[in-house]
Amino acid sequence: MKHDLRTDLERAGALAFERVCGRREFIEGFHRLSKAAKERPDEEALKKLYGWMFVPLSIWPVDVKGAGLHVLGRMARGRALTRAERLICGLLPEAPGADVCNVIAEHEHGVKAGSYEQLIAAQHKFDLIEQELAQSPGLMEDWQKIKATFEVEDYRNAKGIIRRRLGLERNFRPPDWKFSWKTEQQRFQNVFDLFCHRWDLYGMERDRPLLLKLTVNVTPYGTIIMVPRFWSFDPRRDLKWKAITRLHRARNTLKQGVKLSANRAERLQEAERARRLWTEATKAGLKGDRRDQWVMGSLGWDARTSESRLRRLLASGRAGRS
């Protein structure tokens, strides 16, 4: 597949969070790389990394752009990759196809805008609590105390938002979670985190409280549903399960069950045996129909079986191992 700089930049620019991950630097560097450098033995590793520049950030398993710039730099200097560098490129799977990326990219644009309505069926619950919170004298009293104690303008981002510390999966804590009172920034963050906890916020936008939402987010490892503690949760009515399932299954999640798992295990075992027989036949000099018939006969299949069944079995074995 030929890569055109302008087209590739447009593709990457259409994705959400482009400013966060900064794909442009790697894309431009890839196109500047000399033909001689691209023809080095590590070209395929670089191409694999480049393919991830068009994958939504939510499912990047590592900083692929950073890894790509590192590999690009070595190749531009005429250096071969080290064993560890080849290992990280080998462990990185091939970039997901458009069928996966399009679904997740659409979801990411909603997340970027702070909108989960496409997955949430009970927006009215959030709206009601948000309205009550905006009129709460207690919240504004606490916020005024914080503003009187700290220069809150120092902690706003470019959009005027101050965020609390992030919560991590499985109750792990961020690196700066351990209590410290040494600096003004540490004192403010501890106070602000407790303020957000008291009022179920993820931050403040100027003087507007940002209430926690019922959210559904895709990560490289799975799909996380976060239900705020104040939410009177009705699992049947509050979530659009069809839309969530479509999002979750975008990455080819297999159907599961006791019988299905047993059948899949048997099929993988048969596929592994077929692969070994195929390798053995190839070493013995068998090719084409003779190799197909020998492998199928060794598997105990009927002589009238179509070779296409063998091809499907071998392909399923490769998919299972990956």
C-alpha atoms as a PDB file:
ATOM      1  CA  MET A   1       0.000   0.000   0.000  1.00  0.00           C
ATOM      2  CA  LYS A   2       1.464   3.379  -1.048  1.00  0.00           C
ATOM      3  CA  HIS A   3       1.511   6.153   1.523  1.00  0.00           C
ATOM      4  CA  ASP A   4       0.864   9.763   0.526  1.00  0.00           C
ATOM      5  CA  LEU A   5       1.879  12.351   3.141  1.00  0.00           C
ATOM      6  CA  ARG A   6      -1.109  14.636   2.669  1.00  0.00           C
ATOM      7  CA  THR A   7      -3.609  11.770   2.696  1.00  0.00           C
ATOM      8  CA  ASP A   8      -2.011  10.185   5.756  1.00  0.00           C
ATOM      9  CA  LEU A   9      -2.022  13.456   7.675  1.00  0.00           C
ATOM     10  CA  GLU A  10      -5.706  13.922   6.862  1.00  0.00           C
ATOM     11  CA  ARG A  11      -6.505  10.386   8.027  1.00  0.00           C
ATOM     12  CA  ALA A  12      -4.663  10.886  11.301  1.00  0.00           C
ATOM     13  CA  GLY A  13      -6.075  14.374  11.779  1.00  0.00           C
ATOM     14  CA  ALA A  14      -9.628  13.054  11.564  1.00  0.00           C
ATOM     15  CA  LEU A  15      -9.075  10.962  14.716  1.00  0.00           C
ATOM     16  CA  ALA A  16      -9.883  12.266  18.193  1.00  0.00           C
ATOM     17  CA  PHE A  17      -7.061  13.170  20.609  1.00  0.00           C
ATOM     18  CA  GLU A  18      -4.602  13.906  17.794  1.00  0.00           C
ATOM     19  CA  ARG A  19      -3.191  16.836  19.780  1.00  0.00           C
ATOM     20  CA  VAL A  20      -2.562  14.516  22.742  1.00  0.00           C
ATOM     21  CA  CYS A  21      -0.665  11.754  20.923  1.00  0.00           C
ATOM     22  CA  GLY A  22       0.978  13.907  18.226  1.00  0.00           C
ATOM     23  CA  ARG A  23       0.996  11.455  15.336  1.00  0.00           C
ATOM     24  CA  ARG A  24       2.056  14.131  12.844  1.00  0.00           C
ATOM     25  CA  GLU A  25       5.721  14.102  13.896  1.00  0.00           C
ATOM     26  CA  PHE A  26       6.106  10.380  13.178  1.00  0.00           C
ATOM     27  CA  ILE A  27       4.105  10.531   9.936  1.00  0.00           C
ATOM     28  CA  GLU A  28       6.239  13.340   8.539  1.00  0.00           C
ATOM     29  CA  GLY A  29       9.458  11.616   9.664  1.00  0.00           C
ATOM     30  CA  PHE A  30       8.366   8.377   8.015  1.00  0.00           C
ATOM     31  CA  HIS A  31       7.841  10.147   4.701  1.00  0.00           C
ATOM     32  CA  ARG A  32      11.201  11.940   4.964  1.00  0.00           C
ATOM     33  CA  LEU A  33      13.097   8.689   5.505  1.00  0.00           C
ATOM     34  CA  SER A  34      15.394   7.932   2.587  1.00  0.00           C
ATOM     35  CA  LYS A  35      14.693   5.058   0.224  1.00  0.00           C
ATOM     36  CA  ALA A  36      17.960   3.409   1.247  1.00  0.00           C
ATOM     37  CA  ALA A  37      16.992   3.526   4.917  1.00  0.00           C
ATOM     38  CA  LYS A  38      13.529   2.087   4.190  1.00  0.00           C
ATOM     39  CA  GLU A  39      15.116  -0.863   2.402  1.00  0.00           C
ATOM     40  CA  ARG A  40      17.005  -1.991   5.515  1.00  0.00           C
ATOM     41  CA  PRO A  41      16.055  -5.321   7.143  1.00  0.00           C
ATOM     42  CA  ASP A  42      13.984  -3.572   9.848  1.00  0.00           C
ATOM     43  CA  GLU A  43      11.642  -1.907   7.350  1.00  0.00           C
ATOM     44  CA  GLU A  44       8.736  -4.228   8.217  1.00  0.00           C
ATOM     45  CA  ALA A  45       8.965  -3.323  11.908  1.00  0.00           C
ATOM     46  CA  LEU A  46       8.779   0.360  11.017  1.00  0.00           C
ATOM     47  CA  LYS A  47       5.806  -0.216   8.717  1.00  0.00           C
ATOM     48  CA  LYS A  48       3.953  -2.049  11.500  1.00  0.00           C
ATOM     49  CA  LEU A  49       4.490   0.880  13.878  1.00  0.00           C
ATOM     50  CA  TYR A  50       3.394   3.296  11.168  1.00  0.00           C
ATOM     51  CA  GLY A  51       0.138   1.381  10.672  1.00  0.00           C
ATOM     52  CA  TRP A  52      -0.802   2.199  14.278  1.00  0.00           C
ATOM     53  CA  MET A  53      -0.802   5.932  13.497  1.00  0.00           C
ATOM     54  CA  PHE A  54      -4.313   5.452  12.083  1.00  0.00           C
ATOM     55  CA  VAL A  55      -5.646   3.508  15.076  1.00  0.00           C
ATOM     56  CA  PRO A  56      -7.693   5.311  17.790  1.00  0.00           C
ATOM     57  CA  LEU A  57      -5.608   6.236  20.828  1.00  0.00           C
ATOM     58  CA  SER A  58      -7.959   4.368  23.197  1.00  0.00           C
ATOM     59  CA  ILE A  59      -6.579   1.002  22.088  1.00  0.00           C
ATOM     60  CA  TRP A  60      -2.869   1.826  21.835  1.00  0.00           C
ATOM     61  CA  PRO A  61      -1.196  -0.730  24.152  1.00  0.00           C
ATOM     62  CA  VAL A  62       1.899   1.512  24.550  1.00  0.00           C
ATOM     63  CA  ASP A  63       3.032   4.904  23.238  1.00  0.00           C
ATOM     64  CA  VAL A  64       3.287   3.629  19.669  1.00  0.00           C
ATOM     65  CA  LYS A  65       4.201   7.064  18.318  1.00  0.00           C
ATOM     66  CA  GLY A  66       7.121   7.278  20.741  1.00  0.00           C
ATOM     67  CA  ALA A  67       8.263   3.778  19.829  1.00  0.00           C
ATOM     68  CA  GLY A  68       7.946   4.671  16.161  1.00  0.00           C
ATOM     69  CA  LEU A  69      10.072   7.800  16.521  1.00  0.00           C
ATOM     70  CA  HIS A  70      12.707   5.746  18.347  1.00  0.00           C
ATOM     71  CA  VAL A  71      12.852   3.129  15.581  1.00  0.00           C
ATOM     72  CA  LEU A  72      12.733   5.845  12.919  1.00  0.00           C
ATOM     73  CA  GLY A  73      15.700   7.583  14.516  1.00  0.00           C
ATOM     74  CA  ARG A  74      17.827   4.429  14.507  1.00  0.00           C
ATOM     75  CA  MET A  75      17.002   3.653  10.891  1.00  0.00           C
ATOM     76  CA  ALA A  76      17.709   7.237   9.810  1.00  0.00           C
ATOM     77  CA  ARG A  77      21.177   6.908  11.377  1.00  0.00           C
ATOM     78  CA  GLY A  78      21.743   3.636   9.537  1.00  0.00           C
ATOM     79  CA  ARG A  79      21.638   1.496  12.672  1.00  0.00           C
ATOM     80  CA  ALA A  80      20.037  -1.932  12.953  1.00  0.00           C
ATOM     81  CA  LEU A  81      17.486  -2.527  15.716  1.00  0.00           C
ATOM     82  CA  THR A  82      18.638  -4.221  18.896  1.00  0.00           C
ATOM     83  CA  ARG A  83      17.143  -7.497  20.054  1.00  0.00           C
ATOM     84  CA  ALA A  84      14.949  -5.683  22.602  1.00  0.00           C
ATOM     85  CA  GLU A  85      13.736  -3.232  19.948  1.00  0.00           C
ATOM     86  CA  ARG A  86      12.855  -6.079  17.597  1.00  0.00           C
ATOM     87  CA  LEU A  87      11.058  -7.768  20.486  1.00  0.00           C
ATOM     88  CA  ILE A  88       8.761  -4.802  21.142  1.00  0.00           C
ATOM     89  CA  CYS A  89       7.949  -4.563  17.425  1.00  0.00           C
ATOM     90  CA  GLY A  90       7.313  -8.308  17.294  1.00  0.00           C
ATOM     91  CA  LEU A  91       4.988  -8.268  20.315  1.00  0.00           C
ATOM     92  CA  LEU A  92       2.991  -5.344  18.929  1.00  0.00           C
ATOM     93  CA  PRO A  93       0.123  -6.877  16.930  1.00  0.00           C
ATOM     94  CA  GLU A  94      -0.716  -5.749  13.434  1.00  0.00           C
ATOM     95  CA  ALA A  95      -2.821  -2.588  13.420  1.00  0.00           C
ATOM     96  CA  PRO A  96      -6.577  -3.350  13.607  1.00  0.00           C
ATOM     97  CA  GLY A  97      -8.531  -2.968  10.388  1.00  0.00           C
ATOM     98  CA  ALA A  98     -11.029  -0.286   9.436  1.00  0.00           C
ATOM     99  CA  ASP A  99     -13.959  -2.358  10.752  1.00  0.00           C
ATOM    100  CA  VAL A 100     -12.517  -2.076  14.277  1.00  0.00           C
ATOM    101  CA  CYS A 101     -11.048   1.422  14.041  1.00  0.00           C
ATOM    102  CA  ASN A 102     -14.170   3.083  12.634  1.00  0.00           C
ATOM    103  CA  VAL A 103     -16.386   1.911  15.518  1.00  0.00           C
ATOM    104  CA  ILE A 104     -13.916   2.966  18.204  1.00  0.00           C
ATOM    105  CA  ALA A 105     -13.014   6.241  16.456  1.00  0.00           C
ATOM    106  CA  GLU A 106     -16.679   7.223  16.418  1.00  0.00           C
ATOM    107  CA  HIS A 107     -16.901   6.472  20.146  1.00  0.00           C
ATOM    108  CA  GLU A 108     -13.731   8.486  20.846  1.00  0.00           C
ATOM    109  CA  HIS A 109     -15.185  11.629  19.315  1.00  0.00           C
ATOM    110  CA  GLY A 110     -18.086  11.358  21.737  1.00  0.00           C
ATOM    111  CA  VAL A 111     -15.703  10.854  24.669  1.00  0.00           C
ATOM    112  CA  LYS A 112     -13.626  13.855  23.593  1.00  0.00           C
ATOM    113  CA  ALA A 113     -16.755  16.001  23.671  1.00  0.00           C
ATOM    114  CA  GLY A 114     -17.722  14.567  27.063  1.00  0.00           C
ATOM    115  CA  SER A 115     -20.803  12.959  25.534  1.00  0.00           C
ATOM    116  CA  TYR A 116     -21.898   9.415  26.324  1.00  0.00           C
ATOM    117  CA  GLU A 117     -25.516   9.777  25.219  1.00  0.00           C
ATOM    118  CA  GLN A 118     -24.988   7.247  22.417  1.00  0.00           C
ATOM    119  CA  LEU A 119     -24.443   4.594  25.106  1.00  0.00           C
ATOM    120  CA  ILE A 120     -26.502   5.961  28.014  1.00  0.00           C
ATOM    121  CA  ALA A 121     -30.286   5.775  28.137  1.00  0.00           C
ATOM    122  CA  ALA A 122     -30.817   7.681  31.404  1.00  0.00           C
ATOM    123  CA  GLN A 123     -29.371  11.122  30.723  1.00  0.00           C
ATOM    124  CA  HIS A 124     -32.252  12.647  32.698  1.00  0.00           C
ATOM    125  CA  LYS A 125     -30.752  11.286  35.937  1.00  0.00           C
ATOM    126  CA  PHE A 126     -27.506  13.130  35.313  1.00  0.00           C
ATOM    127  CA  ASP A 127     -29.303  16.328  34.276  1.00  0.00           C
ATOM    128  CA  LEU A 128     -31.362  16.357  37.470  1.00  0.00           C
ATOM    129  CA  ILE A 129     -28.368  15.891  39.799  1.00  0.00           C
ATOM    130  CA  GLU A 130     -26.311  18.426  37.836  1.00  0.00           C
ATOM    131  CA  GLN A 131     -29.082  21.014  38.186  1.00  0.00           C
ATOM    132  CA  GLU A 132     -29.358  20.412  41.923  1.00  0.00           C
ATOM    133  CA  LEU A 133     -25.586  20.628  42.308  1.00  0.00           C
ATOM    134  CA  ALA A 134     -25.351  23.950  40.481  1.00  0.00           C
ATOM    135  CA  GLN A 135     -27.811  25.413  43.002  1.00  0.00           C
ATOM    136  CA  SER A 136     -26.119  23.929  46.071  1.00  0.00           C
ATOM    137  CA  PRO A 137     -25.026  26.674  48.539  1.00  0.00           C
ATOM    138  CA  GLY A 138     -22.789  24.148  50.334  1.00  0.00           C
ATOM    139  CA  LEU A 139     -20.739  23.385  47.240  1.00  0.00           C
ATOM    140  CA  MET A 140     -20.196  27.047  46.380  1.00  0.00           C
ATOM    141  CA  GLU A 141     -19.310  27.813  49.986  1.00  0.00           C
ATOM    142  CA  ASP A 142     -16.588  25.130  49.909  1.00  0.00           C
ATOM    143  CA  TRP A 143     -15.338  26.388  46.550  1.00  0.00           C
ATOM    144  CA  GLN A 144     -15.097  29.971  47.780  1.00  0.00           C
ATOM    145  CA  LYS A 145     -13.017  28.771  50.767  1.00  0.00           C
ATOM    146  CA  ILE A 146     -10.630  27.020  48.375  1.00  0.00           C
ATOM    147  CA  LYS A 147     -10.371  30.136  46.202  1.00  0.00           C
ATOM    148  CA  ALA A 148      -9.648  32.237  49.280  1.00  0.00           C
ATOM    149  CA  THR A 149      -6.865  29.860  50.334  1.00  0.00           C
ATOM    150  CA  PHE A 150      -5.155  29.075  47.006  1.00  0.00           C
ATOM    151  CA  GLU A 151      -4.423  30.834  43.722  1.00  0.00           C
ATOM    152  CA  VAL A 152      -6.683  28.487  41.775  1.00  0.00           C
ATOM    153  CA  GLU A 153      -5.853  30.193  38.467  1.00  0.00           C
ATOM    154  CA  ASP A 154      -2.412  28.556  38.654  1.00  0.00           C
ATOM    155  CA  TYR A 155      -3.961  25.100  38.322  1.00  0.00           C
ATOM    156  CA  ARG A 156      -6.350  25.603  35.405  1.00  0.00           C
ATOM    157  CA  ASN A 157      -5.635  24.091  32.014  1.00  0.00           C
ATOM    158  CA  ALA A 158      -6.042  25.929  28.703  1.00  0.00           C
ATOM    159  CA  LYS A 159      -9.814  25.386  28.843  1.00  0.00           C
ATOM    160  CA  GLY A 160     -10.103  26.786  32.347  1.00  0.00           C
ATOM    161  CA  ILE A 161     -10.603  23.345  33.929  1.00  0.00           C
ATOM    162  CA  ILE A 162      -9.045  21.992  37.112  1.00  0.00           C
ATOM    163  CA  ARG A 163      -9.189  18.203  37.411  1.00  0.00           C
ATOM    164  CA  ARG A 164      -8.817  15.955  40.388  1.00  0.00           C
ATOM    165  CA  ARG A 165      -6.353  13.052  40.398  1.00  0.00           C
ATOM    166  CA  LEU A 166      -7.410  10.179  38.177  1.00  0.00           C
ATOM    167  CA  GLY A 167      -8.637   6.948  39.690  1.00  0.00           C
ATOM    168  CA  LEU A 168      -7.023   3.832  38.232  1.00  0.00           C
ATOM    169  CA  GLU A 169      -8.416   0.370  37.511  1.00  0.00           C
ATOM    170  CA  ARG A 170      -8.345  -2.344  40.209  1.00  0.00           C
ATOM    171  CA  ASN A 171      -7.935   0.354  42.900  1.00  0.00           C
ATOM    172  CA  PHE A 172      -4.322   1.121  42.012  1.00  0.00           C
ATOM    173  CA  ARG A 173      -3.147   4.660  42.808  1.00  0.00           C
ATOM    174  CA  PRO A 174      -1.343   7.266  40.670  1.00  0.00           C
ATOM    175  CA  PRO A 175       2.361   7.888  41.446  1.00  0.00           C
ATOM    176  CA  ASP A 176       1.625  11.173  43.252  1.00  0.00           C
ATOM    177  CA  TRP A 177      -1.127   9.725  45.455  1.00  0.00           C
ATOM    178  CA  LYS A 178       1.058   9.359  48.581  1.00  0.00           C
ATOM    179  CA  PHE A 179       0.273  12.209  50.945  1.00  0.00           C
ATOM    180  CA  SER A 180       2.680  15.148  50.873  1.00  0.00           C
ATOM    181  CA  TRP A 181       2.221  18.694  52.195  1.00  0.00           C
ATOM    182  CA  LYS A 182       5.565  20.212  51.207  1.00  0.00           C
ATOM    183  CA  THR A 183       4.623  22.390  48.241  1.00  0.00           C
ATOM    184  CA  GLU A 184       1.703  24.684  47.513  1.00  0.00           C
ATOM    185  CA  GLN A 185       0.728  22.506  44.547  1.00  0.00           C
ATOM    186  CA  GLN A 186       0.636  19.382  46.747  1.00  0.00           C
ATOM    187  CA  ARG A 187      -1.452  21.130  49.380  1.00  0.00           C
ATOM    188  CA  PHE A 188      -3.898  22.381  46.757  1.00  0.00           C
ATOM    189  CA  GLN A 189      -4.209  18.970  45.087  1.00  0.00           C
ATOM    190  CA  ASN A 190      -5.010  17.198  48.354  1.00  0.00           C
ATOM    191  CA  VAL A 191      -7.660  19.781  49.233  1.00  0.00           C
ATOM    192  CA  PHE A 192      -9.133  19.785  45.734  1.00  0.00           C
ATOM    193  CA  ASP A 193      -9.317  15.974  45.591  1.00  0.00           C
ATOM    194  CA  LEU A 194     -11.324  15.903  48.814  1.00  0.00           C
ATOM    195  CA  PHE A 195     -13.582  18.674  47.543  1.00  0.00           C
ATOM    196  CA  CYS A 196     -14.302  16.631  44.393  1.00  0.00           C
ATOM    197  CA  HIS A 197     -14.923  13.514  46.448  1.00  0.00           C
ATOM    198  CA  ARG A 198     -17.373  15.310  48.698  1.00  0.00           C
ATOM    199  CA  TRP A 199     -19.424  16.609  45.757  1.00  0.00           C
ATOM    200  CA  ASP A 200     -18.931  13.736  43.246  1.00  0.00           C
ATOM    201  CA  LEU A 201     -16.988  15.846  40.764  1.00  0.00           C
ATOM    202  CA  TYR A 202     -14.175  15.202  38.326  1.00  0.00           C
ATOM    203  CA  GLY A 203     -13.240  18.873  38.357  1.00  0.00           C
ATOM    204  CA  MET A 204     -14.258  22.516  38.097  1.00  0.00           C
ATOM    205  CA  GLU A 205     -14.618  24.613  34.936  1.00  0.00           C
ATOM    206  CA  ARG A 206     -14.198  28.157  36.218  1.00  0.00           C
ATOM    207  CA  ASP A 207     -16.985  28.247  38.835  1.00  0.00           C
ATOM    208  CA  ARG A 208     -19.017  25.452  37.259  1.00  0.00           C
ATOM    209  CA  PRO A 209     -18.913  22.055  38.999  1.00  0.00           C
ATOM    210  CA  LEU A 210     -18.235  19.116  36.645  1.00  0.00           C
ATOM    211  CA  LEU A 211     -20.359  16.250  37.887  1.00  0.00           C
ATOM    212  CA  LEU A 212     -19.198  12.679  37.377  1.00  0.00           C
ATOM    213  CA  LYS A 213     -21.007  10.824  34.581  1.00  0.00           C
ATOM    214  CA  LEU A 214     -22.087   7.284  33.964  1.00  0.00           C
ATOM    215  CA  THR A 215     -19.417   6.400  31.394  1.00  0.00           C
ATOM    216  CA  VAL A 216     -18.391   3.591  29.057  1.00  0.00           C
ATOM    217  CA  ASN A 217     -14.772   3.677  27.893  1.00  0.00           C
ATOM    218  CA  VAL A 218     -12.694   1.423  25.681  1.00  0.00           C
ATOM    219  CA  THR A 219      -9.136   0.647  26.826  1.00  0.00           C
ATOM    220  CA  PRO A 220      -6.415  -1.516  25.260  1.00  0.00           C
ATOM    221  CA  TYR A 221      -7.390  -4.284  27.678  1.00  0.00           C
ATOM    222  CA  GLY A 222     -11.169  -4.129  27.675  1.00  0.00           C
ATOM    223  CA  THR A 223     -14.258  -1.987  28.204  1.00  0.00           C
ATOM    224  CA  ILE A 224     -14.774  -0.150  31.498  1.00  0.00           C
ATOM    225  CA  ILE A 225     -18.206   0.953  32.740  1.00  0.00           C
ATOM    226  CA  MET A 226     -18.030   3.471  35.569  1.00  0.00           C
ATOM    227  CA  VAL A 227     -21.184   4.068  37.640  1.00  0.00           C
ATOM    228  CA  PRO A 228     -20.898   7.100  39.990  1.00  0.00           C
ATOM    229  CA  ARG A 229     -21.754   6.299  43.579  1.00  0.00           C
ATOM    230  CA  PHE A 230     -24.654   8.805  43.612  1.00  0.00           C
ATOM    231  CA  TRP A 231     -26.336   7.122  40.630  1.00  0.00           C
ATOM    232  CA  SER A 232     -29.470   5.074  41.348  1.00  0.00           C
ATOM    233  CA  PHE A 233     -28.431   2.393  38.882  1.00  0.00           C
ATOM    234  CA  ASP A 234     -30.940   0.396  36.845  1.00  0.00           C
ATOM    235  CA  PRO A 235     -28.847  -1.905  34.595  1.00  0.00           C
ATOM    236  CA  ARG A 236     -31.769  -2.717  32.289  1.00  0.00           C
ATOM    237  CA  ARG A 237     -32.871   0.861  31.614  1.00  0.00           C
ATOM    238  CA  ASP A 238     -29.829   3.086  32.131  1.00  0.00           C
ATOM    239  CA  LEU A 239     -27.513   1.658  29.485  1.00  0.00           C
ATOM    240  CA  LYS A 240     -27.909   1.014  25.754  1.00  0.00           C
ATOM    241  CA  TRP A 241     -26.537  -2.495  25.870  1.00  0.00           C
ATOM    242  CA  LYS A 242     -26.820  -3.086  22.130  1.00  0.00           C
ATOM    243  CA  ALA A 243     -24.541  -0.119  21.416  1.00  0.00           C
ATOM    244  CA  ILE A 244     -22.132  -1.106  24.205  1.00  0.00           C
ATOM    245  CA  THR A 245     -21.961  -4.680  22.936  1.00  0.00           C
ATOM    246  CA  ARG A 246     -21.219  -3.438  19.417  1.00  0.00           C
ATOM    247  CA  LEU A 247     -18.402  -1.300  20.771  1.00  0.00           C
ATOM    248  CA  HIS A 248     -16.976  -4.094  22.929  1.00  0.00           C
ATOM    249  CA  ARG A 249     -17.188  -6.708  20.182  1.00  0.00           C
ATOM    250  CA  ALA A 250     -15.522  -4.452  17.620  1.00  0.00           C
ATOM    251  CA  ARG A 251     -12.260  -6.200  18.462  1.00  0.00           C
ATOM    252  CA  ASN A 252     -13.613  -9.617  17.436  1.00  0.00           C
ATOM    253  CA  THR A 253     -14.596 -10.880  20.866  1.00  0.00           C
ATOM    254  CA  LEU A 254     -15.436 -14.586  20.519  1.00  0.00           C
ATOM    255  CA  LYS A 255     -18.600 -16.166  21.822  1.00  0.00           C
ATOM    256  CA  GLN A 256     -17.959 -18.098  25.018  1.00  0.00           C
ATOM    257  CA  GLY A 257     -19.452 -20.920  27.015  1.00  0.00           C
ATOM    258  CA  VAL A 258     -18.506 -24.335  28.418  1.00  0.00           C
ATOM    259  CA  LYS A 259     -19.390 -26.235  25.244  1.00  0.00           C
ATOM    260  CA  LEU A 260     -17.976 -23.577  22.933  1.00  0.00           C
ATOM    261  CA  SER A 261     -14.704 -23.487  24.897  1.00  0.00           C
ATOM    262  CA  ALA A 262     -14.346 -27.274  24.743  1.00  0.00           C
ATOM    263  CA  ASN A 263     -15.041 -27.330  21.000  1.00  0.00           C
ATOM    264  CA  ARG A 264     -12.586 -24.494  20.405  1.00  0.00           C
ATOM    265  CA  ALA A 265      -9.861 -26.279  22.389  1.00  0.00           C
ATOM    266  CA  GLU A 266     -10.377 -29.458  20.349  1.00  0.00           C
ATOM    267  CA  ARG A 267     -10.247 -27.490  17.101  1.00  0.00           C
ATOM    268  CA  LEU A 268      -7.034 -25.730  18.106  1.00  0.00           C
ATOM    269  CA  GLN A 269      -5.467 -29.074  19.012  1.00  0.00           C
ATOM    270  CA  GLU A 270      -6.457 -30.471  15.619  1.00  0.00           C
ATOM    271  CA  ALA A 271      -5.137 -27.348  13.906  1.00  0.00           C
ATOM    272  CA  GLU A 272      -1.814 -27.684  15.705  1.00  0.00           C
ATOM    273  CA  ARG A 273      -1.576 -31.332  14.635  1.00  0.00           C
ATOM    274  CA  ALA A 274      -2.420 -30.343  11.044  1.00  0.00           C
ATOM    275  CA  ARG A 275       0.317 -27.705  11.118  1.00  0.00           C
ATOM    276  CA  ARG A 276       2.894 -30.243  12.300  1.00  0.00           C
ATOM    277  CA  LEU A 277       1.817 -32.707   9.609  1.00  0.00           C
ATOM    278  CA  TRP A 278       1.958 -29.948   6.984  1.00  0.00           C
ATOM    279  CA  THR A 279       5.523 -29.081   8.016  1.00  0.00           C
ATOM    280  CA  GLU A 280       6.489 -32.770   7.980  1.00  0.00           C
ATOM    281  CA  ALA A 281       5.018 -33.247   4.502  1.00  0.00           C
ATOM    282  CA  THR A 282       6.800 -30.171   3.180  1.00  0.00           C
ATOM    283  CA  LYS A 283      10.147 -31.405   4.498  1.00  0.00           C
ATOM    284  CA  ALA A 284       9.464 -34.748   2.794  1.00  0.00           C
ATOM    285  CA  GLY A 285       9.119 -32.941  -0.542  1.00  0.00           C
ATOM    286  CA  LEU A 286       5.342 -33.210  -0.913  1.00  0.00           C
ATOM    287  CA  LYS A 287       3.554 -30.339  -2.649  1.00  0.00           C
ATOM    288  CA  GLY A 288       0.107 -29.314  -3.862  1.00  0.00           C
ATOM    289  CA  ASP A 289      -2.639 -31.970  -3.904  1.00  0.00           C
ATOM    290  CA  ARG A 290      -0.281 -34.733  -2.749  1.00  0.00           C
ATOM    291  CA  ARG A 291       0.566 -32.763   0.396  1.00  0.00           C
ATOM    292  CA  ASP A 292      -3.109 -31.929   1.038  1.00  0.00           C
ATOM    293  CA  GLN A 293      -4.203 -35.553   0.658  1.00  0.00           C
ATOM    294  CA  TRP A 294      -1.411 -36.864   2.864  1.00  0.00           C
ATOM    295  CA  VAL A 295      -2.165 -34.386   5.679  1.00  0.00           C
ATOM    296  CA  MET A 296      -5.937 -35.043   5.544  1.00  0.00           C
ATOM    297  CA  GLY A 297      -5.375 -38.801   5.468  1.00  0.00           C
ATOM    298  CA  SER A 298      -3.061 -38.544   8.500  1.00  0.00           C
ATOM    299  CA  LEU A 299      -5.780 -36.616  10.289  1.00  0.00           C
ATOM    300  CA  GLY A 300      -8.182 -39.468   9.604  1.00  0.00           C
ATOM    301  CA  TRP A 301     -10.482 -37.470   7.341  1.00  0.00           C
ATOM    302  CA  ASP A 302     -12.612 -38.957   4.593  1.00  0.00           C
ATOM    303  CA  ALA A 303     -10.778 -39.034   1.245  1.00  0.00           C
ATOM    304  CA  ARG A 304     -13.611 -37.027  -0.333  1.00  0.00           C
ATOM    305  CA  THR A 305     -13.061 -34.044   2.023  1.00  0.00           C
ATOM    306  CA  SER A 306     -12.451 -30.737   0.269  1.00  0.00           C
ATOM    307  CA  GLU A 307      -9.001 -29.170   0.588  1.00  0.00           C
ATOM    308  CA  SER A 308     -10.719 -25.927   1.618  1.00  0.00           C
ATOM    309  CA  ARG A 309     -11.520 -27.482   5.003  1.00  0.00           C
ATOM    310  CA  LEU A 310      -7.804 -28.046   5.576  1.00  0.00           C
ATOM    311  CA  ARG A 311      -7.051 -24.445   4.619  1.00  0.00           C
ATOM    312  CA  ARG A 312      -9.663 -23.153   7.096  1.00  0.00           C
ATOM    313  CA  LEU A 313      -8.259 -25.386   9.846  1.00  0.00           C
ATOM    314  CA  LEU A 314      -4.707 -24.160   9.300  1.00  0.00           C
ATOM    315  CA  ALA A 315      -5.922 -20.542   9.263  1.00  0.00           C
ATOM    316  CA  SER A 316      -7.883 -21.018  12.498  1.00  0.00           C
ATOM    317  CA  GLY A 317      -4.779 -22.426  14.142  1.00  0.00           C
ATOM    318  CA  ARG A 318      -2.760 -19.327  13.230  1.00  0.00           C
ATOM    319  CA  ALA A 319      -5.559 -17.064  14.542  1.00  0.00           C
ATOM    320  CA  GLY A 320      -5.759 -19.039  17.780  1.00  0.00           C
ATOM    321  CA  ARG A 321      -2.027 -18.775  18.442  1.00  0.00           C
ATOM    322  CA  SER A 322      -2.034 -15.015  17.780  1.00  0.00           C
END
